[in-house]
């Protein structure tokens, strides 16, 4: 009986040990599986997070680059617009200045031409006036000279016999008379009938002869 009991006890112990070993093995396997699963999950999570982070970073960099490109484009456009505006303003200002200068030059040229024309007209008018005055003066002088010469010749032709005698002053009313000069002659006595007419003729003859002597005839 004891042997049977011992055998049974041994078998029970062996069975318990086997069960314990199986349990331990199962627990170890479960622990390993859990650890593996946890590790795998952690790795997957880390990889996913890393990928997400990389994607986020790449997206952020791309967005930043896009923003920078947009800013650069905006700045370039603004610079181009400012340069274009400045160039247009400069062109307009230069064009206005050129137009103003051209207008001023044209006005100055027109004024100069008008002044030159006025000066030429004034000079021509003055020359014409001077020529006319000179011609008139010459004509007047010629006419006066011609008239004077004609009068002198006429008076000379009319009274040439009077120049051949010396004017004598009567001393007495008859006979020989004394003359102022180098001549002697008879003086006709003045009768009472001559009167004032004879006196007038005598004075006129004396004045005419004196005038002709002064002129040089």
N, C-alpha and C. Protein backbone atom coordinates (compact mmCIF):
# COMPACT_ATOMS: atom_id res chain seq x y z
N UNK A 1 0.83 -1.18 0.00
CA UNK A 1 0.00 0.00 0.00
C UNK A 1 0.87 1.22 0.00
N UNK A 2 1.89 1.20 0.76
CA UNK A 2 2.80 2.33 0.84
C UNK A 2 3.40 2.64 -0.51
N UNK A 3 3.70 1.63 -1.20
CA UNK A 3 4.31 1.86 -2.54
C UNK A 3 3.33 2.52 -3.42
N UNK A 4 2.12 2.12 -3.33
CA UNK A 4 1.09 2.71 -4.18
C UNK A 4 0.92 4.15 -3.80
N UNK A 5 0.90 4.40 -2.54
CA UNK A 5 0.73 5.77 -2.06
C UNK A 5 1.89 6.63 -2.54
N UNK A 6 3.06 6.08 -2.44
CA UNK A 6 4.25 6.84 -2.86
C UNK A 6 4.19 7.09 -4.33
N UNK A 7 3.80 6.07 -5.06
CA UNK A 7 3.74 6.24 -6.52
C UNK A 7 2.73 7.30 -6.86
N UNK A 8 1.60 7.24 -6.18
CA UNK A 8 0.55 8.24 -6.47
C UNK A 8 1.04 9.60 -6.12
N UNK A 9 1.69 9.72 -4.98
CA UNK A 9 2.23 11.03 -4.59
C UNK A 9 3.24 11.54 -5.60
N UNK A 10 4.09 10.61 -6.05
CA UNK A 10 5.11 11.00 -7.05
C UNK A 10 4.43 11.46 -8.31
N UNK A 11 3.43 10.73 -8.71
CA UNK A 11 2.72 11.10 -9.94
C UNK A 11 2.06 12.44 -9.76
N UNK A 12 1.46 12.63 -8.62
CA UNK A 12 0.78 13.93 -8.36
C UNK A 12 1.80 15.05 -8.38
N UNK A 13 2.92 14.77 -7.74
CA UNK A 13 3.96 15.84 -7.69
C UNK A 13 4.44 16.14 -9.10
N UNK A 14 4.65 15.05 -9.82
CA UNK A 14 5.12 15.26 -11.21
C UNK A 14 4.08 16.03 -12.00
N UNK A 15 2.82 15.68 -11.81
CA UNK A 15 1.75 16.35 -12.53
C UNK A 15 1.70 17.81 -12.15
N UNK A 16 1.85 18.06 -10.84
CA UNK A 16 1.83 19.46 -10.37
C UNK A 16 3.00 20.21 -10.97
N UNK A 17 4.16 19.59 -10.97
CA UNK A 17 5.35 20.26 -11.52
C UNK A 17 5.15 20.54 -12.99
N UNK A 18 4.60 19.55 -13.66
CA UNK A 18 4.37 19.75 -15.11
C UNK A 18 3.41 20.89 -15.32
N UNK A 19 2.34 20.85 -14.53
CA UNK A 19 1.36 21.94 -14.67
C UNK A 19 2.01 23.26 -14.37
N UNK A 20 2.80 23.30 -13.32
CA UNK A 20 3.50 24.54 -12.98
C UNK A 20 4.42 24.99 -14.10
N UNK A 21 5.13 24.04 -14.65
CA UNK A 21 6.05 24.37 -15.75
C UNK A 21 5.28 24.88 -16.93
N UNK A 22 4.16 24.20 -17.21
CA UNK A 22 3.33 24.64 -18.34
C UNK A 22 2.81 26.03 -18.08
N UNK A 23 2.36 26.23 -16.85
CA UNK A 23 1.83 27.55 -16.50
C UNK A 23 2.93 28.60 -16.65
N UNK A 24 4.10 28.25 -16.13
CA UNK A 24 5.21 29.22 -16.22
C UNK A 24 5.55 29.49 -17.67
N UNK A 25 5.58 28.45 -18.44
CA UNK A 25 5.89 28.63 -19.87
C UNK A 25 4.84 29.50 -20.53
N UNK A 26 3.58 29.18 -20.22
CA UNK A 26 2.49 29.98 -20.83
C UNK A 26 2.62 31.43 -20.40
N UNK A 27 2.89 31.62 -19.12
CA UNK A 27 3.03 33.02 -18.61
C UNK A 27 4.19 33.69 -19.30
N UNK A 28 5.30 32.97 -19.42
CA UNK A 28 6.46 33.56 -20.08
C UNK A 28 6.15 33.89 -21.52
N UNK A 29 5.48 32.96 -22.18
CA UNK A 29 5.12 33.21 -23.58
C UNK A 29 4.20 34.41 -23.68
N UNK A 30 3.23 34.42 -22.77
CA UNK A 30 2.31 35.58 -22.79
C UNK A 30 3.04 36.89 -22.53
N UNK A 31 3.95 36.82 -21.56
CA UNK A 31 4.73 38.03 -21.25
C UNK A 31 5.54 38.44 -22.47
N UNK A 32 6.18 37.47 -23.09
CA UNK A 32 6.99 37.78 -24.29
C UNK A 32 6.12 38.34 -25.38
N UNK A 33 4.98 37.72 -25.58
CA UNK A 33 4.07 38.21 -26.63
C UNK A 33 3.64 39.63 -26.32
N UNK A 34 3.29 39.82 -25.04
CA UNK A 34 2.85 41.18 -24.66
C UNK A 34 3.97 42.18 -24.87
N UNK A 35 5.16 41.78 -24.45
CA UNK A 35 6.31 42.68 -24.62
C UNK A 35 6.54 42.96 -26.09
N UNK A 36 6.50 41.89 -26.86
CA UNK A 36 6.71 42.07 -28.31
C UNK A 36 5.65 42.97 -28.88
N UNK A 37 4.41 42.69 -28.49
CA UNK A 37 3.32 43.53 -29.01
C UNK A 37 3.52 44.98 -28.60
N UNK A 38 3.87 45.14 -27.32
CA UNK A 38 4.09 46.52 -26.82
C UNK A 38 5.22 47.18 -27.59
N UNK A 39 6.28 46.42 -27.77
CA UNK A 39 7.43 46.99 -28.50
C UNK A 39 7.03 47.33 -29.92
N UNK A 40 6.33 46.42 -30.54
CA UNK A 40 5.90 46.68 -31.91
C UNK A 40 5.00 47.90 -31.97
N UNK A 41 4.07 47.95 -31.02
CA UNK A 41 3.16 49.12 -31.00
C UNK A 41 3.94 50.41 -30.79
N UNK A 42 4.90 50.38 -29.86
CA UNK A 42 5.70 51.58 -29.59
C UNK A 42 6.51 51.97 -30.82
N UNK A 43 7.09 50.95 -31.44
CA UNK A 43 7.87 51.25 -32.66
C UNK A 43 7.00 51.83 -33.74
N UNK A 44 5.83 51.20 -33.89
CA UNK A 44 4.90 51.72 -34.92
C UNK A 44 4.49 53.14 -34.59
N UNK A 45 4.17 53.34 -33.30
CA UNK A 45 3.77 54.70 -32.90
C UNK A 45 4.90 55.69 -33.13
N UNK A 46 6.10 55.26 -32.74
CA UNK A 46 7.26 56.17 -32.93
C UNK A 46 7.47 56.45 -34.41
N UNK A 47 7.38 55.42 -35.22
CA UNK A 47 7.57 55.61 -36.67
C UNK A 47 6.50 56.53 -37.22
N UNK A 48 5.25 56.25 -36.79
CA UNK A 48 4.15 57.10 -37.28
C UNK A 48 4.36 58.55 -36.84
N UNK A 49 4.72 58.69 -35.56
CA UNK A 49 4.95 60.06 -35.07
C UNK A 49 6.09 60.72 -35.81
N UNK A 50 7.14 59.92 -36.03
CA UNK A 50 8.29 60.48 -36.77
C UNK A 50 7.89 60.86 -38.18
N UNK A 51 7.13 59.97 -38.83
CA UNK A 51 6.68 60.29 -40.20
C UNK A 51 5.81 61.53 -40.19
N UNK A 52 4.90 61.55 -39.19
CA UNK A 52 4.02 62.73 -39.10
C UNK A 52 4.83 64.00 -38.87
N UNK A 53 5.80 63.87 -37.95
CA UNK A 53 6.64 65.02 -37.69
C UNK A 53 7.41 65.45 -38.95
N UNK A 54 7.95 64.45 -39.63
CA UNK A 54 8.68 64.77 -40.87
C UNK A 54 7.76 65.42 -41.89
N UNK A 55 6.57 64.84 -42.00
CA UNK A 55 5.62 65.43 -42.95
C UNK A 55 5.25 66.85 -42.55
N UNK A 56 5.02 67.00 -41.22
CA UNK A 56 4.68 68.36 -40.73
C UNK A 56 5.81 69.33 -40.99
N UNK A 57 7.02 68.86 -40.69
CA UNK A 57 8.18 69.74 -40.91
C UNK A 57 8.33 70.07 -42.39
N UNK A 58 8.19 69.03 -43.22
CA UNK A 58 8.30 69.28 -44.67
C UNK A 58 7.21 70.23 -45.13
N UNK A 59 5.99 69.98 -44.62
CA UNK A 59 4.89 70.88 -44.99
C UNK A 59 5.15 72.30 -44.51
N UNK A 60 5.67 72.40 -43.27
CA UNK A 60 5.98 73.73 -42.75
C UNK A 60 7.06 74.41 -43.58
N UNK A 61 8.09 73.62 -43.92
CA UNK A 61 9.15 74.19 -44.77
C UNK A 61 8.61 74.59 -46.12
N UNK A 62 7.76 73.72 -46.68
CA UNK A 62 7.17 74.06 -47.99
C UNK A 62 6.31 75.31 -47.88
N UNK A 63 5.50 75.35 -46.82
CA UNK A 63 4.65 76.54 -46.63
C UNK A 63 5.50 77.79 -46.43
N UNK A 64 6.58 77.63 -45.63
CA UNK A 64 7.47 78.76 -45.42
C UNK A 64 8.13 79.20 -46.71
N UNK A 65 8.55 78.20 -47.49
CA UNK A 65 9.15 78.52 -48.78
C UNK A 65 8.14 79.21 -49.70
N UNK A 66 6.92 78.69 -49.67
CA UNK A 66 5.88 79.31 -50.50
C UNK A 66 5.63 80.74 -50.05
N UNK A 67 5.54 80.90 -48.72
CA UNK A 67 5.34 82.26 -48.19
C UNK A 67 6.49 83.17 -48.58
N UNK A 68 7.70 82.63 -48.43
CA UNK A 68 8.86 83.43 -48.81
C UNK A 68 8.85 83.77 -50.30
N UNK A 69 8.48 82.77 -51.09
CA UNK A 69 8.40 83.02 -52.54
C UNK A 69 7.34 84.07 -52.84
N UNK A 70 6.18 83.93 -52.17
CA UNK A 70 5.11 84.91 -52.38
C UNK A 70 5.56 86.30 -51.94
N UNK A 71 6.23 86.35 -50.78
CA UNK A 71 6.73 87.64 -50.31
C UNK A 71 7.75 88.22 -51.29
N UNK A 72 8.64 87.33 -51.76
CA UNK A 72 9.64 87.79 -52.74
C UNK A 72 8.97 88.29 -54.02
N UNK A 73 7.97 87.51 -54.47
CA UNK A 73 7.25 87.94 -55.67
C UNK A 73 6.56 89.27 -55.44
N UNK A 74 5.90 89.39 -54.26
CA UNK A 74 5.23 90.66 -53.95
C UNK A 74 6.22 91.80 -53.89
N UNK A 75 7.36 91.54 -53.24
CA UNK A 75 8.39 92.58 -53.15
C UNK A 75 8.91 92.94 -54.54
N UNK A 76 9.15 91.92 -55.35
CA UNK A 76 9.62 92.19 -56.72
C UNK A 76 8.59 92.97 -57.50
N UNK A 77 7.32 92.55 -57.35
CA UNK A 77 6.25 93.27 -58.05
C UNK A 77 6.17 94.71 -57.57
N UNK A 78 6.25 94.87 -56.23
CA UNK A 78 6.22 96.24 -55.69
C UNK A 78 7.40 97.06 -56.19
N UNK A 79 8.58 96.44 -56.18
CA UNK A 79 9.77 97.16 -56.68
C UNK A 79 9.61 97.52 -58.15
N UNK A 80 9.09 96.55 -58.93
CA UNK A 80 8.88 96.83 -60.35
C UNK A 80 7.85 97.92 -60.54
N UNK A 81 6.77 97.86 -59.73
CA UNK A 81 5.73 98.89 -59.84
C UNK A 81 6.29 100.26 -59.45
N UNK A 82 7.07 100.27 -58.36
CA UNK A 82 7.67 101.55 -57.93
C UNK A 82 8.61 102.07 -58.99
N UNK A 83 9.45 101.18 -59.53
CA UNK A 83 10.38 101.61 -60.59
C UNK A 83 9.62 102.11 -61.81
N UNK A 84 8.55 101.37 -62.18
CA UNK A 84 7.75 101.79 -63.34
C UNK A 84 7.09 103.15 -63.09
N UNK A 85 6.56 103.33 -61.86
CA UNK A 85 5.93 104.62 -61.53
C UNK A 85 6.96 105.74 -61.58
N UNK A 86 8.14 105.46 -60.98
CA UNK A 86 9.20 106.48 -60.99
C UNK A 86 9.63 106.81 -62.41
N UNK A 87 9.79 105.77 -63.23
CA UNK A 87 10.18 105.99 -64.64
C UNK A 87 9.10 106.78 -65.37
N UNK A 88 7.83 106.42 -65.16
CA UNK A 88 6.74 107.15 -65.83
C UNK A 88 6.71 108.60 -65.38
N UNK A 89 6.87 108.80 -64.05
CA UNK A 89 6.88 110.18 -63.54
C UNK A 89 8.04 110.97 -64.13
N UNK A 90 9.22 110.34 -64.17
CA UNK A 90 10.38 111.02 -64.74
C UNK A 90 10.17 111.33 -66.21
N UNK A 91 9.59 110.36 -66.94
CA UNK A 91 9.34 110.59 -68.37
C UNK A 91 8.35 111.73 -68.55
N UNK A 92 7.28 111.73 -67.73
CA UNK A 92 6.29 112.80 -67.83
C UNK A 92 6.91 114.14 -67.50
N UNK A 93 7.70 114.18 -66.41
CA UNK A 93 8.34 115.44 -66.01
C UNK A 93 9.30 115.92 -67.08
N UNK A 94 10.11 114.99 -67.61
CA UNK A 94 11.06 115.37 -68.67
C UNK A 94 10.32 115.84 -69.91
N UNK A 95 9.22 115.15 -70.25
CA UNK A 95 8.44 115.56 -71.41
C UNK A 95 7.85 116.96 -71.21
N UNK A 96 7.32 117.20 -69.99
CA UNK A 96 6.76 118.52 -69.70
C UNK A 96 7.85 119.59 -69.77
N UNK A 97 9.01 119.28 -69.19
CA UNK A 97 10.12 120.24 -69.23
C UNK A 97 10.55 120.51 -70.66
N UNK A 98 10.64 119.44 -71.47
CA UNK A 98 11.03 119.62 -72.87
C UNK A 98 10.00 120.45 -73.61
N UNK A 99 8.71 120.16 -73.37
CA UNK A 99 7.65 120.94 -74.03
C UNK A 99 7.72 122.40 -73.61
N UNK A 100 7.92 122.62 -72.30
CA UNK A 100 8.02 124.01 -71.82
C UNK A 100 9.22 124.72 -72.44
N UNK A 101 10.36 124.01 -72.49
CA UNK A 101 11.54 124.61 -73.09
C UNK A 101 11.32 124.91 -74.57
N UNK A 102 10.67 123.96 -75.27
CA UNK A 102 10.38 124.20 -76.69
C UNK A 102 9.47 125.40 -76.87
N UNK A 103 8.43 125.48 -76.00
CA UNK A 103 7.51 126.63 -76.08
C UNK A 103 8.25 127.93 -75.79
N UNK A 104 9.12 127.90 -74.76
CA UNK A 104 9.88 129.11 -74.42
C UNK A 104 10.80 129.50 -75.57
N UNK A 105 11.47 128.49 -76.17
CA UNK A 105 12.36 128.79 -77.30
C UNK A 105 11.58 129.35 -78.47
N UNK A 106 10.40 128.74 -78.74
CA UNK A 106 9.58 129.24 -79.85
C UNK A 106 9.12 130.67 -79.57
N UNK A 107 8.69 130.91 -78.31
CA UNK A 107 8.24 132.28 -77.97
C UNK A 107 9.39 133.27 -78.11
N UNK A 108 10.58 132.87 -77.61
CA UNK A 108 11.74 133.76 -77.72
C UNK A 108 12.10 134.02 -79.17
N UNK A 109 12.05 132.95 -79.99
CA UNK A 109 12.36 133.12 -81.41
C UNK A 109 11.34 134.03 -82.07
N UNK A 110 10.06 133.82 -81.75
CA UNK A 110 9.01 134.66 -82.34
C UNK A 110 9.20 136.11 -81.91
N UNK A 111 9.46 136.31 -80.60
CA UNK A 111 9.67 137.68 -80.11
C UNK A 111 10.90 138.31 -80.78
N UNK A 112 11.96 137.51 -80.93
CA UNK A 112 13.16 138.03 -81.58
C UNK A 112 12.89 138.40 -83.03
N UNK A 113 12.14 137.51 -83.72
CA UNK A 113 11.80 137.81 -85.12
C UNK A 113 10.94 139.06 -85.20
N UNK A 114 9.96 139.17 -84.27
CA UNK A 114 9.10 140.37 -84.28
C UNK A 114 9.93 141.62 -84.01
N UNK A 115 10.85 141.51 -83.03
CA UNK A 115 11.70 142.67 -82.71
C UNK A 115 12.57 143.03 -83.91
N UNK A 116 13.15 141.99 -84.54
CA UNK A 116 14.00 142.26 -85.71
C UNK A 116 13.19 142.89 -86.83
N UNK A 117 11.97 142.35 -87.04
CA UNK A 117 11.11 142.92 -88.09
C UNK A 117 10.76 144.36 -87.76
N UNK A 118 10.41 144.61 -86.47
CA UNK A 118 10.07 145.98 -86.08
C UNK A 118 11.28 146.91 -86.26
N UNK A 119 12.46 146.42 -85.85
CA UNK A 119 13.66 147.24 -86.01
C UNK A 119 13.92 147.52 -87.48
N UNK A 120 13.78 146.47 -88.31
CA UNK A 120 14.00 146.66 -89.75
C UNK A 120 12.98 147.64 -90.32
N UNK A 121 11.71 147.48 -89.88
CA UNK A 121 10.67 148.40 -90.38
C UNK A 121 10.97 149.83 -89.93
N UNK A 122 11.36 149.97 -88.64
CA UNK A 122 11.67 151.31 -88.13
C UNK A 122 12.86 151.90 -88.89
N UNK A 123 13.91 151.06 -89.09
CA UNK A 123 15.08 151.55 -89.82
C UNK A 123 14.70 151.93 -91.25
N UNK A 124 13.89 151.09 -91.90
CA UNK A 124 13.47 151.39 -93.27
C UNK A 124 12.65 152.68 -93.30
N UNK A 125 11.73 152.79 -92.31
CA UNK A 125 10.90 154.01 -92.27
C UNK A 125 11.78 155.24 -92.03
N UNK A 126 12.74 155.11 -91.09
CA UNK A 126 13.64 156.24 -90.84
C UNK A 126 14.47 156.58 -92.07
N UNK A 127 14.97 155.52 -92.74
CA UNK A 127 15.75 155.77 -93.95
C UNK A 127 14.89 156.44 -95.01
N UNK A 128 13.66 155.95 -95.17
CA UNK A 128 12.76 156.55 -96.16
C UNK A 128 12.45 158.00 -95.79
N UNK A 129 12.20 158.22 -94.47
CA UNK A 129 11.91 159.59 -94.04
C UNK A 129 13.12 160.49 -94.28
N UNK A 130 14.31 159.98 -93.91
CA UNK A 130 15.52 160.78 -94.12
C UNK A 130 15.73 161.05 -95.61
N UNK A 131 15.54 160.00 -96.43
CA UNK A 131 15.70 160.19 -97.87
C UNK A 131 14.70 161.19 -98.40
N UNK A 132 13.44 161.05 -97.93
CA UNK A 132 12.41 161.98 -98.40
C UNK A 132 12.75 163.40 -97.96
N UNK A 133 13.18 163.53 -96.67
CA UNK A 133 13.53 164.87 -96.18
C UNK A 133 14.70 165.44 -96.97
N UNK A 134 15.73 164.58 -97.20
CA UNK A 134 16.89 165.05 -97.98
C UNK A 134 16.48 165.43 -99.39
N UNK A 135 15.63 164.59 -100.00
CA UNK A 135 15.17 164.90 -101.36
C UNK A 135 14.38 166.20 -101.37
N UNK A 136 13.49 166.33 -100.35
CA UNK A 136 12.69 167.56 -100.30
C UNK A 136 13.59 168.78 -100.10
N UNK A 137 14.57 168.62 -99.16
CA UNK A 137 15.48 169.75 -98.91
C UNK A 137 16.28 170.07 -100.17
N UNK A 138 16.78 169.01 -100.84
CA UNK A 138 17.55 169.24 -102.06
C UNK A 138 16.69 169.90 -103.12
N UNK A 139 15.44 169.40 -103.26
CA UNK A 139 14.54 169.99 -104.26
C UNK A 139 14.25 171.44 -103.92
N UNK A 140 13.99 171.68 -102.61
CA UNK A 140 13.71 173.07 -102.20
C UNK A 140 14.92 173.97 -102.46
N UNK A 141 16.11 173.44 -102.09
CA UNK A 141 17.33 174.24 -102.31
C UNK A 141 17.54 174.49 -103.80
N UNK A 142 17.36 173.42 -104.60
CA UNK A 142 17.52 173.59 -106.05
C UNK A 142 16.51 174.59 -106.59
N UNK A 143 15.27 174.45 -106.14
CA UNK A 143 14.23 175.39 -106.61
C UNK A 143 14.56 176.81 -106.19
N UNK A 144 15.00 176.93 -104.90
CA UNK A 144 15.36 178.28 -104.43
C UNK A 144 16.52 178.83 -105.22
N UNK A 145 17.53 177.97 -105.44
CA UNK A 145 18.70 178.44 -106.20
C UNK A 145 18.30 178.81 -107.62
N UNK A 146 17.46 177.94 -108.23
CA UNK A 146 17.03 178.23 -109.60
C UNK A 146 16.22 179.52 -109.64
N UNK A 147 15.30 179.65 -108.65
CA UNK A 147 14.47 180.87 -108.63
C UNK A 147 15.34 182.09 -108.40
N UNK A 148 16.29 181.99 -107.46
CA UNK A 148 17.17 183.14 -107.19
C UNK A 148 18.00 183.48 -108.42
N UNK A 149 18.52 182.42 -109.07
CA UNK A 149 19.32 182.67 -110.28
C UNK A 149 18.47 183.29 -111.38
N UNK A 150 17.24 182.76 -111.51
CA UNK A 150 16.36 183.34 -112.53
C UNK A 150 16.04 184.80 -112.20
N UNK A 151 15.77 185.07 -110.93
CA UNK A 151 15.48 186.46 -110.55
C UNK A 151 16.68 187.37 -110.78
N UNK A 152 17.87 186.82 -110.38
CA UNK A 152 19.07 187.63 -110.56
C UNK A 152 19.33 187.91 -112.04
N UNK A 153 19.19 186.83 -112.85
CA UNK A 153 19.40 187.02 -114.29
C UNK A 153 18.35 187.96 -114.88
N UNK A 154 17.12 187.80 -114.36
CA UNK A 154 16.07 188.68 -114.87
C UNK A 154 16.36 190.13 -114.50
N UNK A 155 16.70 190.32 -113.21
CA UNK A 155 17.03 191.69 -112.80
C UNK A 155 18.25 192.21 -113.56
N UNK A 156 19.22 191.33 -113.78
CA UNK A 156 20.41 191.75 -114.53
C UNK A 156 20.07 192.15 -115.96
N UNK A 157 19.21 191.32 -116.58
CA UNK A 157 18.82 191.64 -117.96
C UNK A 157 18.00 192.91 -118.03
N UNK A 158 17.17 193.15 -117.01
CA UNK A 158 16.32 194.33 -117.05
C UNK A 158 17.08 195.61 -116.73
N UNK A 159 18.01 195.49 -115.78
CA UNK A 159 18.67 196.70 -115.30
C UNK A 159 20.16 196.71 -115.58
N UNK A 160 20.60 196.01 -116.63
CA UNK A 160 22.01 196.04 -116.98
C UNK A 160 22.50 197.41 -117.41
N UNK A 161 21.68 198.27 -118.06
CA UNK A 161 22.20 199.61 -118.39
C UNK A 161 22.49 200.43 -117.16
N UNK A 162 21.81 200.13 -116.04
CA UNK A 162 22.04 200.94 -114.85
C UNK A 162 23.39 200.66 -114.24
N UNK A 163 23.91 199.45 -114.45
CA UNK A 163 25.20 199.10 -113.88
C UNK A 163 26.35 199.75 -114.63
N UNK A 164 26.12 200.22 -115.79
CA UNK A 164 27.20 200.85 -116.55
C UNK A 164 27.47 202.27 -116.10
N UNK A 165 26.70 202.83 -115.26
CA UNK A 165 26.88 204.20 -114.78
C UNK A 165 27.06 204.18 -113.28
N UNK A 166 27.72 205.18 -112.83
CA UNK A 166 27.92 205.36 -111.39
C UNK A 166 26.81 206.23 -110.86
N UNK A 167 26.34 205.82 -109.70
CA UNK A 167 25.26 206.59 -109.10
C UNK A 167 25.84 207.92 -108.62
N UNK A 168 25.26 208.93 -109.03
CA UNK A 168 25.76 210.26 -108.69
C UNK A 168 24.72 210.98 -107.85
N UNK A 169 25.19 211.69 -106.89
CA UNK A 169 24.32 212.51 -106.05
C UNK A 169 24.26 213.92 -106.65
N UNK A 170 23.10 214.41 -106.84
CA UNK A 170 22.95 215.75 -107.39
C UNK A 170 23.37 216.80 -106.37
N UNK A 171 24.11 217.77 -106.88
CA UNK A 171 24.54 218.84 -106.01
C UNK A 171 23.73 220.10 -106.27
N UNK A 172 23.45 220.29 -107.50
CA UNK A 172 22.68 221.49 -107.85
C UNK A 172 21.58 221.12 -108.80
N UNK A 173 20.81 222.01 -109.18
CA UNK A 173 19.68 221.74 -110.06
C UNK A 173 20.03 221.90 -111.53
N UNK A 174 21.27 222.31 -111.90
CA UNK A 174 21.63 222.44 -113.30
C UNK A 174 23.12 222.50 -113.48
N UNK A 175 23.61 222.33 -114.75
CA UNK A 175 25.02 222.45 -115.07
C UNK A 175 25.77 221.21 -114.72
N UNK A 176 27.09 221.47 -114.50
CA UNK A 176 27.96 220.36 -114.14
C UNK A 176 27.63 219.91 -112.73
N UNK A 177 27.81 218.66 -112.46
CA UNK A 177 27.58 218.15 -111.11
C UNK A 177 28.76 217.34 -110.62
N UNK A 178 28.91 217.32 -109.33
CA UNK A 178 29.96 216.49 -108.72
C UNK A 178 29.40 215.10 -108.45
N UNK A 179 30.20 214.05 -108.73
CA UNK A 179 29.77 212.66 -108.55
C UNK A 179 30.66 211.99 -107.52
N UNK A 180 30.06 211.11 -106.77
CA UNK A 180 30.87 210.25 -105.88
C UNK A 180 31.46 209.16 -106.72
N UNK A 181 32.74 209.20 -106.97
CA UNK A 181 33.38 208.21 -107.80
C UNK A 181 34.34 208.89 -108.74
N UNK A 182 34.68 208.21 -109.78
CA UNK A 182 35.66 208.69 -110.74
C UNK A 182 35.01 209.15 -112.03
N UNK A 183 33.80 209.57 -112.01
CA UNK A 183 33.14 209.97 -113.25
C UNK A 183 32.70 211.41 -113.15
N UNK A 184 32.63 212.02 -114.30
CA UNK A 184 32.08 213.36 -114.42
C UNK A 184 31.00 213.29 -115.45
N UNK A 185 29.99 213.96 -115.20
CA UNK A 185 28.90 213.97 -116.17
C UNK A 185 27.95 215.08 -115.88
N UNK A 186 27.11 215.25 -116.83
CA UNK A 186 26.09 216.26 -116.67
C UNK A 186 24.91 215.67 -115.96
N UNK A 187 24.45 216.47 -115.04
CA UNK A 187 23.25 216.06 -114.32
C UNK A 187 22.13 216.90 -114.84
N UNK A 188 21.12 216.20 -115.31
CA UNK A 188 19.97 216.91 -115.85
C UNK A 188 19.23 217.58 -114.73
N UNK A 189 18.96 218.83 -114.91
CA UNK A 189 18.24 219.53 -113.85
C UNK A 189 16.84 219.00 -113.70
N UNK A 190 16.40 218.96 -112.46
CA UNK A 190 15.06 218.47 -112.17
C UNK A 190 14.11 219.64 -112.26
N UNK A 191 13.18 219.44 -113.08
CA UNK A 191 12.16 220.46 -113.24
C UNK A 191 11.15 220.32 -112.15
N UNK A 192 10.35 221.30 -112.08
CA UNK A 192 9.33 221.27 -111.03
C UNK A 192 8.23 220.30 -111.31
N UNK A 193 8.14 219.82 -112.61
CA UNK A 193 7.05 218.89 -112.95
C UNK A 193 7.32 217.46 -112.52
N UNK A 194 8.57 217.12 -112.22
CA UNK A 194 8.86 215.72 -111.86
C UNK A 194 8.26 215.39 -110.51
N UNK A 195 8.48 216.25 -109.55
CA UNK A 195 7.84 216.07 -108.24
C UNK A 195 8.30 214.81 -107.53
N UNK A 196 7.33 214.23 -106.86
CA UNK A 196 7.62 213.02 -106.06
C UNK A 196 7.91 211.79 -106.93
N UNK A 197 7.39 211.79 -108.17
CA UNK A 197 7.62 210.65 -109.05
C UNK A 197 9.08 210.54 -109.40
N UNK A 198 9.73 211.67 -109.68
CA UNK A 198 11.16 211.64 -109.97
C UNK A 198 11.97 211.20 -108.78
N UNK A 199 11.59 211.72 -107.62
CA UNK A 199 12.27 211.28 -106.41
C UNK A 199 12.16 209.78 -106.22
N UNK A 200 10.97 209.23 -106.46
CA UNK A 200 10.73 207.79 -106.29
C UNK A 200 11.56 206.99 -107.27
N UNK A 201 11.63 207.46 -108.57
CA UNK A 201 12.42 206.73 -109.55
C UNK A 201 13.89 206.78 -109.19
N UNK A 202 14.33 207.91 -108.73
CA UNK A 202 15.73 208.05 -108.37
C UNK A 202 16.08 207.15 -107.18
N UNK A 203 15.25 207.14 -106.17
CA UNK A 203 15.51 206.29 -104.99
C UNK A 203 15.46 204.81 -105.35
N UNK A 204 14.50 204.41 -106.21
CA UNK A 204 14.39 203.00 -106.62
C UNK A 204 15.62 202.58 -107.39
N UNK A 205 16.09 203.44 -108.30
CA UNK A 205 17.28 203.11 -109.09
C UNK A 205 18.49 202.98 -108.19
N UNK A 206 18.63 203.89 -107.22
CA UNK A 206 19.75 203.83 -106.31
C UNK A 206 19.72 202.55 -105.47
N UNK A 207 18.52 202.19 -104.96
CA UNK A 207 18.41 200.97 -104.14
C UNK A 207 18.70 199.73 -104.95
N UNK A 208 18.18 199.62 -106.18
CA UNK A 208 18.40 198.46 -107.03
C UNK A 208 19.87 198.30 -107.38
N UNK A 209 20.49 199.46 -107.70
CA UNK A 209 21.91 199.39 -108.06
C UNK A 209 22.74 198.97 -106.87
N UNK A 210 22.43 199.47 -105.66
CA UNK A 210 23.16 199.06 -104.47
C UNK A 210 22.99 197.58 -104.18
N UNK A 211 21.77 197.09 -104.38
CA UNK A 211 21.49 195.66 -104.14
C UNK A 211 22.28 194.79 -105.10
N UNK A 212 22.32 195.18 -106.37
CA UNK A 212 23.08 194.40 -107.36
C UNK A 212 24.55 194.42 -107.06
N UNK A 213 25.05 195.58 -106.56
CA UNK A 213 26.47 195.65 -106.21
C UNK A 213 26.79 194.73 -105.04
N UNK A 214 25.87 194.62 -104.08
CA UNK A 214 26.09 193.73 -102.94
C UNK A 214 26.11 192.28 -103.37
N UNK A 215 25.17 191.89 -104.26
CA UNK A 215 25.10 190.51 -104.75
C UNK A 215 26.35 190.17 -105.53
N UNK A 216 26.97 191.12 -106.20
CA UNK A 216 28.19 190.84 -106.96
C UNK A 216 28.02 190.97 -108.45
N UNK A 217 26.93 191.56 -108.89
CA UNK A 217 26.70 191.73 -110.32
C UNK A 217 27.18 193.10 -110.73
